[in-house]
N, C-alpha and C. Protein backbone atom coordinates (compact mmCIF):
# COMPACT_ATOMS: atom_id res chain seq x y z
N MET A 1 -16.62 3.82 -13.56
CA MET A 1 -15.67 3.43 -13.05
C MET A 1 -16.06 1.97 -12.27
N LYS A 2 -15.22 1.11 -12.65
CA LYS A 2 -15.55 -0.01 -12.19
C LYS A 2 -13.50 -1.13 -11.59
N LYS A 3 -14.17 -1.44 -10.36
CA LYS A 3 -12.58 -1.82 -9.93
C LYS A 3 -13.04 -2.59 -8.47
N VAL A 4 -11.82 -3.19 -8.42
CA VAL A 4 -12.04 -4.52 -7.46
C VAL A 4 -10.42 -4.53 -6.70
N TYR A 5 -10.79 -4.63 -5.51
CA TYR A 5 -9.54 -4.47 -4.71
C TYR A 5 -9.70 -6.00 -3.81
N PHE A 6 -8.96 -6.75 -4.16
CA PHE A 6 -8.46 -7.74 -4.12
C PHE A 6 -7.45 -8.81 -3.12
N LEU A 7 -7.37 -9.96 -2.69
CA LEU A 7 -6.04 -10.30 -2.33
C LEU A 7 -5.83 -12.11 -3.22
N GLN A 8 -4.87 -12.03 -3.80
CA GLN A 8 -4.68 -12.70 -4.77
C GLN A 8 -4.59 -14.32 -4.21
N THR A 9 -3.66 -14.34 -2.30
CA THR A 9 -3.89 -15.61 -1.67
C THR A 9 -5.08 -16.09 -1.15
N CYS A 10 -6.17 -15.42 -1.33
CA CYS A 10 -7.18 -15.54 -0.49
C CYS A 10 -8.36 -16.06 -1.30
N ASP A 11 -8.52 -17.59 -1.16
CA ASP A 11 -9.37 -18.12 -1.87
C ASP A 11 -10.66 -18.07 -2.06
N THR A 12 -11.45 -17.10 -1.00
CA THR A 12 -12.88 -16.76 -1.28
C THR A 12 -12.70 -15.52 -2.36
N CYS A 13 -11.59 -15.00 -2.40
CA CYS A 13 -11.51 -13.52 -3.26
C CYS A 13 -11.44 -14.39 -4.69
N ARG A 14 -10.47 -15.40 -4.86
CA ARG A 14 -10.19 -15.93 -6.47
C ARG A 14 -11.96 -16.45 -6.48
N ARG A 15 -12.93 -17.22 -5.85
CA ARG A 15 -14.17 -18.03 -6.16
C ARG A 15 -14.94 -16.62 -6.09
N ILE A 16 -14.66 -15.85 -5.78
CA ILE A 16 -15.48 -14.73 -6.52
C ILE A 16 -15.50 -13.64 -7.67
N LEU A 17 -13.92 -13.95 -7.93
CA LEU A 17 -13.56 -13.31 -8.99
C LEU A 17 -14.11 -14.12 -10.14
N LYS A 18 -13.97 -15.51 -10.02
CA LYS A 18 -14.33 -16.63 -11.25
C LYS A 18 -15.77 -16.36 -11.07
N GLU A 19 -16.56 -16.18 -9.80
CA GLU A 19 -18.13 -15.98 -10.06
C GLU A 19 -18.82 -14.90 -10.87
N VAL A 20 -17.99 -13.88 -10.69
CA VAL A 20 -18.33 -12.29 -11.22
C VAL A 20 -17.43 -12.17 -12.22
N ASN A 21 -18.51 -11.60 -13.08
CA ASN A 21 -17.79 -11.13 -14.45
C ASN A 21 -16.91 -9.77 -14.37
N THR A 22 -15.55 -10.16 -14.47
CA THR A 22 -15.25 -8.87 -13.72
C THR A 22 -14.37 -8.39 -15.36
N ASP A 23 -14.90 -8.70 -16.59
CA ASP A 23 -14.40 -7.28 -17.83
C ASP A 23 -14.51 -6.53 -17.50
N GLY A 24 -13.69 -5.44 -17.87
CA GLY A 24 -14.00 -3.62 -17.39
C GLY A 24 -13.60 -3.60 -16.39
N PHE A 25 -13.12 -4.25 -15.13
CA PHE A 25 -12.97 -3.61 -13.81
C PHE A 25 -11.39 -3.27 -14.04
N GLU A 26 -10.96 -2.50 -13.53
CA GLU A 26 -9.83 -2.45 -13.12
C GLU A 26 -8.97 -3.27 -11.56
N ARG A 27 -8.31 -4.10 -11.34
CA ARG A 27 -8.20 -5.21 -10.69
C ARG A 27 -7.07 -4.68 -9.71
N GLN A 28 -6.88 -4.46 -8.53
CA GLN A 28 -5.68 -4.31 -7.92
C GLN A 28 -5.72 -5.32 -6.48
N GLU A 29 -4.58 -5.99 -6.55
CA GLU A 29 -4.21 -6.97 -5.63
C GLU A 29 -3.62 -6.16 -4.64
N ILE A 30 -4.31 -6.23 -3.34
CA ILE A 30 -3.80 -5.45 -1.94
C ILE A 30 -2.53 -5.62 -1.28
N LYS A 31 -1.72 -6.66 -1.66
CA LYS A 31 -0.92 -6.85 -0.90
C LYS A 31 0.68 -6.68 -1.83
N ALA A 32 0.18 -6.97 -3.03
CA ALA A 32 1.52 -6.19 -4.08
C ALA A 32 1.03 -4.78 -4.21
N ASN A 33 0.32 -4.35 -3.71
CA ASN A 33 -0.19 -2.60 -4.07
C ASN A 33 -1.10 -2.42 -3.61
N ASN A 34 -0.30 -1.86 -1.91
CA ASN A 34 -1.47 -1.02 -1.35
C ASN A 34 -2.51 0.03 -1.39
N ILE A 35 -3.45 -0.10 -0.79
CA ILE A 35 -4.21 0.82 -1.02
C ILE A 35 -3.79 2.31 -0.60
N SER A 36 -4.07 3.32 -1.22
CA SER A 36 -3.69 4.42 -1.30
C SER A 36 -4.40 5.28 -0.22
N VAL A 37 -4.01 6.63 0.60
CA VAL A 37 -5.13 7.38 1.06
C VAL A 37 -5.91 7.83 -0.06
N GLU A 38 -5.69 8.38 -1.30
CA GLU A 38 -7.15 8.67 -1.82
C GLU A 38 -8.02 7.54 -2.04
N GLN A 39 -7.35 6.10 -2.47
CA GLN A 39 -8.31 5.38 -2.71
C GLN A 39 -9.17 4.84 -1.39
N LEU A 40 -8.79 4.73 -0.37
CA LEU A 40 -9.43 4.67 1.24
C LEU A 40 -10.25 5.75 0.98
N GLU A 41 -10.10 6.81 0.87
CA GLU A 41 -11.04 8.20 0.95
C GLU A 41 -12.40 7.91 -0.07
N GLU A 42 -11.91 7.46 -1.22
CA GLU A 42 -12.93 7.00 -2.11
C GLU A 42 -13.87 6.31 -1.67
N MET A 43 -13.53 5.16 -0.85
CA MET A 43 -14.42 3.85 -0.43
C MET A 43 -14.98 4.52 0.69
N TYR A 44 -14.24 5.44 1.41
CA TYR A 44 -15.36 6.15 2.64
C TYR A 44 -16.40 7.03 2.17
N ALA A 45 -16.12 7.81 1.10
CA ALA A 45 -17.57 8.46 0.67
C ALA A 45 -18.35 7.77 0.18
N LEU A 46 -17.84 6.44 -0.19
CA LEU A 46 -18.95 5.38 -0.98
C LEU A 46 -19.49 4.80 0.25
N SER A 47 -19.09 4.10 1.14
CA SER A 47 -19.17 3.33 2.23
C SER A 47 -20.03 3.96 3.17
N GLY A 48 -19.27 5.52 3.90
CA GLY A 48 -20.15 6.07 4.82
C GLY A 48 -18.92 5.99 5.82
N SER A 49 -17.86 4.98 6.29
CA SER A 49 -17.49 4.59 7.41
C SER A 49 -16.41 3.31 6.87
N TYR A 50 -15.19 4.04 8.20
CA TYR A 50 -14.22 3.24 8.18
C TYR A 50 -14.57 1.60 8.54
N GLU A 51 -15.31 1.76 9.18
CA GLU A 51 -15.58 0.22 9.87
C GLU A 51 -16.39 -0.83 9.37
N ALA A 52 -17.08 -0.12 8.22
CA ALA A 52 -17.45 -1.01 7.43
C ALA A 52 -16.57 -1.56 6.40
N LEU A 53 -15.60 -0.63 6.36
CA LEU A 53 -14.53 -1.69 5.47
C LEU A 53 -13.17 -2.37 5.86
N PHE A 54 -13.65 -2.39 7.36
CA PHE A 54 -12.39 -2.97 8.19
C PHE A 54 -13.05 -4.56 8.37
N ASN A 55 -11.98 -5.67 8.63
CA ASN A 55 -12.44 -6.44 8.34
C ASN A 55 -11.76 -7.11 10.30
N LYS A 56 -13.02 -7.59 10.61
CA LYS A 56 -12.74 -7.81 12.24
C LYS A 56 -12.77 -8.95 12.21
N ARG A 57 -12.15 -10.20 11.13
CA ARG A 57 -12.41 -11.47 11.26
C ARG A 57 -10.74 -11.81 11.12
N ALA A 58 -9.94 -10.70 10.72
CA ALA A 58 -8.52 -10.60 10.45
C ALA A 58 -7.73 -11.69 11.64
N LYS A 59 -6.70 -12.11 11.29
CA LYS A 59 -6.06 -12.62 12.85
C LYS A 59 -5.08 -11.57 13.05
N LEU A 60 -4.90 -10.56 12.69
CA LEU A 60 -4.08 -9.48 13.58
C LEU A 60 -5.23 -8.73 14.24
N TYR A 61 -5.96 -9.07 13.83
CA TYR A 61 -7.16 -8.25 14.92
C TYR A 61 -7.69 -8.73 16.16
N LYS A 62 -7.14 -10.36 16.32
CA LYS A 62 -7.40 -10.61 17.61
C LYS A 62 -6.24 -10.72 17.81
N ALA A 63 -4.65 -10.80 17.28
CA ALA A 63 -3.48 -11.12 17.73
C ALA A 63 -3.30 -9.80 18.44
N MET A 64 -3.88 -8.35 18.11
CA MET A 64 -3.59 -7.21 18.62
C MET A 64 -4.93 -6.85 19.73
N ASP A 65 -5.46 -8.02 19.98
CA ASP A 65 -6.44 -7.62 20.84
C ASP A 65 -7.29 -6.35 20.79
N LEU A 66 -7.60 -5.79 19.29
CA LEU A 66 -8.36 -5.04 19.00
C LEU A 66 -9.86 -4.98 19.66
N LYS A 67 -10.56 -6.07 19.63
CA LYS A 67 -11.89 -6.45 19.84
C LYS A 67 -12.14 -5.92 21.58
N ASN A 68 -11.23 -5.82 21.92
CA ASN A 68 -11.50 -5.40 23.39
C ASN A 68 -11.07 -3.96 23.54
N GLN A 69 -10.62 -3.35 22.72
CA GLN A 69 -10.47 -1.61 22.66
C GLN A 69 -11.63 -0.74 22.19
N GLU A 70 -11.69 -0.08 22.01
CA GLU A 70 -12.68 1.14 21.36
C GLU A 70 -12.11 1.74 20.74
N LEU A 71 -12.37 1.17 18.97
CA LEU A 71 -12.14 1.75 18.31
C LEU A 71 -12.64 3.10 17.62
N SER A 72 -11.98 4.58 17.42
CA SER A 72 -12.81 5.06 16.32
C SER A 72 -12.65 5.06 14.87
N GLU A 73 -13.51 5.76 14.47
CA GLU A 73 -13.31 6.06 12.72
C GLU A 73 -11.56 6.67 12.01
N ALA A 74 -11.26 7.60 13.04
CA ALA A 74 -9.77 7.64 12.74
C ALA A 74 -8.85 6.33 13.24
N ASP A 75 -8.81 5.41 14.01
CA ASP A 75 -8.34 4.45 14.34
C ASP A 75 -8.66 3.14 12.91
N TYR A 76 -9.77 3.31 13.02
CA TYR A 76 -9.86 2.00 11.74
C TYR A 76 -9.16 2.95 10.43
N ARG A 77 -9.38 3.93 10.40
CA ARG A 77 -8.75 4.40 8.97
C ARG A 77 -7.05 4.48 9.16
N GLN A 78 -6.35 4.69 10.05
CA GLN A 78 -4.92 4.22 10.28
C GLN A 78 -4.56 2.63 10.10
N PHE A 79 -5.41 1.88 10.84
CA PHE A 79 -5.29 0.54 10.71
C PHE A 79 -5.45 0.08 9.26
N LEU A 80 -6.17 0.49 8.50
CA LEU A 80 -6.58 0.42 7.12
C LEU A 80 -4.89 0.88 6.32
N LEU A 81 -4.87 1.65 6.56
CA LEU A 81 -4.04 2.26 5.88
C LEU A 81 -2.55 1.42 6.06
N ASP A 82 -2.32 0.94 7.53
CA ASP A 82 -1.23 0.45 7.84
C ASP A 82 -0.89 -1.07 7.44
N GLU A 83 -1.70 -1.70 7.29
CA GLU A 83 -2.17 -3.22 7.12
C GLU A 83 -2.89 -3.88 6.24
N TYR A 84 -2.94 -4.11 5.12
CA TYR A 84 -3.68 -4.78 3.79
C TYR A 84 -4.58 -5.63 4.65
N THR A 85 -4.45 -6.51 5.53
CA THR A 85 -5.45 -7.40 5.73
C THR A 85 -6.53 -6.95 6.63
N PHE A 86 -6.41 -5.59 7.43
CA PHE A 86 -7.83 -5.49 7.88
C PHE A 86 -8.87 -4.78 7.01
N LEU A 87 -8.22 -4.76 5.54
CA LEU A 87 -9.26 -4.44 4.78
C LEU A 87 -10.32 -5.39 4.53
N LYS A 88 -11.67 -5.35 4.45
CA LYS A 88 -12.77 -6.46 4.22
C LYS A 88 -12.61 -6.60 2.91
N ARG A 89 -12.33 -8.14 2.29
CA ARG A 89 -12.45 -7.94 0.88
C ARG A 89 -13.66 -8.69 0.44
N PRO A 90 -13.73 -9.11 -0.90
CA PRO A 90 -13.09 -7.96 -1.85
C PRO A 90 -13.84 -6.87 -1.73
N VAL A 91 -13.55 -5.94 -2.29
CA VAL A 91 -14.53 -4.57 -2.14
C VAL A 91 -14.82 -4.45 -4.07
N PHE A 92 -15.90 -4.17 -3.87
CA PHE A 92 -16.00 -4.00 -5.52
C PHE A 92 -16.79 -2.39 -5.58
N ILE A 93 -16.03 -1.96 -6.70
CA ILE A 93 -16.63 -0.30 -6.55
C ILE A 93 -16.88 -0.48 -8.37
N VAL A 94 -18.51 -0.29 -8.49
CA VAL A 94 -19.05 -0.13 -9.71
C VAL A 94 -19.89 1.27 -9.41
N ASP A 95 -19.54 2.29 -10.51
CA ASP A 95 -19.77 3.36 -10.33
C ASP A 95 -20.17 4.49 -9.40
N ASP A 96 -21.45 4.63 -8.56
CA ASP A 96 -21.21 5.07 -7.44
C ASP A 96 -21.56 4.57 -6.39
N LYS A 97 -21.66 2.93 -6.49
CA LYS A 97 -21.97 1.89 -5.39
C LYS A 97 -20.48 0.99 -4.96
N ILE A 98 -20.82 0.58 -3.94
CA ILE A 98 -19.81 -0.33 -3.38
C ILE A 98 -20.32 -1.71 -2.76
N PHE A 99 -19.52 -2.61 -3.12
CA PHE A 99 -19.90 -4.11 -1.96
C PHE A 99 -18.79 -4.68 -1.48
N ILE A 100 -19.14 -4.56 -0.03
CA ILE A 100 -18.04 -5.02 0.72
C ILE A 100 -18.00 -5.88 1.05
N GLY A 101 -17.32 -6.75 1.07
CA GLY A 101 -16.85 -8.48 1.90
C GLY A 101 -17.55 -9.46 1.14
N ASN A 102 -17.42 -10.33 1.68
CA ASN A 102 -18.15 -11.97 0.81
C ASN A 102 -19.29 -12.37 1.28
N SER A 103 -20.24 -11.60 1.41
CA SER A 103 -21.48 -12.55 2.38
C SER A 103 -22.51 -12.47 1.19
N LYS A 104 -23.03 -13.63 0.66
CA LYS A 104 -24.04 -14.15 0.07
C LYS A 104 -24.72 -12.63 -0.19
N LYS A 105 -25.14 -12.19 0.57
CA LYS A 105 -26.33 -11.19 0.02
C LYS A 105 -25.55 -10.08 -0.63
N VAL A 106 -24.17 -9.38 -0.10
CA VAL A 106 -23.39 -8.53 -1.12
C VAL A 106 -23.02 -9.26 -2.42
N ILE A 107 -22.73 -10.11 -2.50
CA ILE A 107 -22.06 -10.85 -3.91
C ILE A 107 -23.48 -10.83 -4.66
N GLU A 108 -24.65 -11.09 -4.37
CA GLU A 108 -25.88 -11.02 -4.94
C GLU A 108 -26.51 -9.68 -5.65
N SER A 109 -26.36 -8.79 -4.49
CA SER A 109 -26.42 -7.38 -5.17
C SER A 109 -25.44 -6.65 -5.97
N LEU A 110 -24.34 -7.37 -5.93
CA LEU A 110 -23.16 -7.02 -7.27
C LEU A 110 -23.47 -7.69 -8.31
N LYS A 111 -23.71 -9.20 -8.50
CA LYS A 111 -24.49 -9.78 -9.44
C LYS A 111 -25.80 -9.14 -10.00
N ASN A 112 -26.20 -8.73 -9.33
CA ASN A 112 -27.95 -7.64 -9.87
C ASN A 112 -27.26 -6.40 -10.55
N ILE A 113 -26.19 -5.36 -10.07
CA ILE A 113 -25.86 -4.48 -10.76
C ILE A 113 -25.41 -4.86 -12.17
N LEU A 114 -24.40 -6.10 -12.05
CA LEU A 114 -23.60 -6.03 -13.17
C LEU A 114 -24.81 -6.94 -14.32
C-alpha cells in the first residue's frame, strides 16, 4: 500500500509532492477529507506514538497554549482527530513503513525506499 496524507494549501507539502514520485500513491488531502479513526490507528501502529504524528509547530498548538500542558497519548490522539492542522505533514505510508513530516532526513529516507 502506498498512501500520502497532505495539505494542499501548504507550500512545503506541494514542494515535496513534486520532488517525490507519487505515482501509484493514494492521495488524501486532509483539509477536504479528514483522517478517520481507522487511518489514525493505522498510522499509530506504524509510528508507535501519537506524539510522533503531532505537529507542535501548528499555530493552534501555540494559541491553545498546549506547550505548557502535559499531554498524554490519549490527548494527542483526540487533538489529531479533532483538528487536521495537528497532523505533522506530509505523512507517507509505503507498505509497512511510515515517513512523518518534512525534514530533509525523512524525505531522503522516503526517496531511498522509492
